[in-house]
């Protein structure tokens, strides 16, 4: 999870970066939550 967030943060700034950051955070949070159940 942390690696994918770091990769998303390393992207150059732009409109796509914000979208990718949001998607990455959602995917990471979902995977953490789903592992807890």
Foldseek 3Di string as FASTA:
>chain_A
DVVLLVVLVPDDDDPVSVVSNVVSVVVVVVVVVVVVD
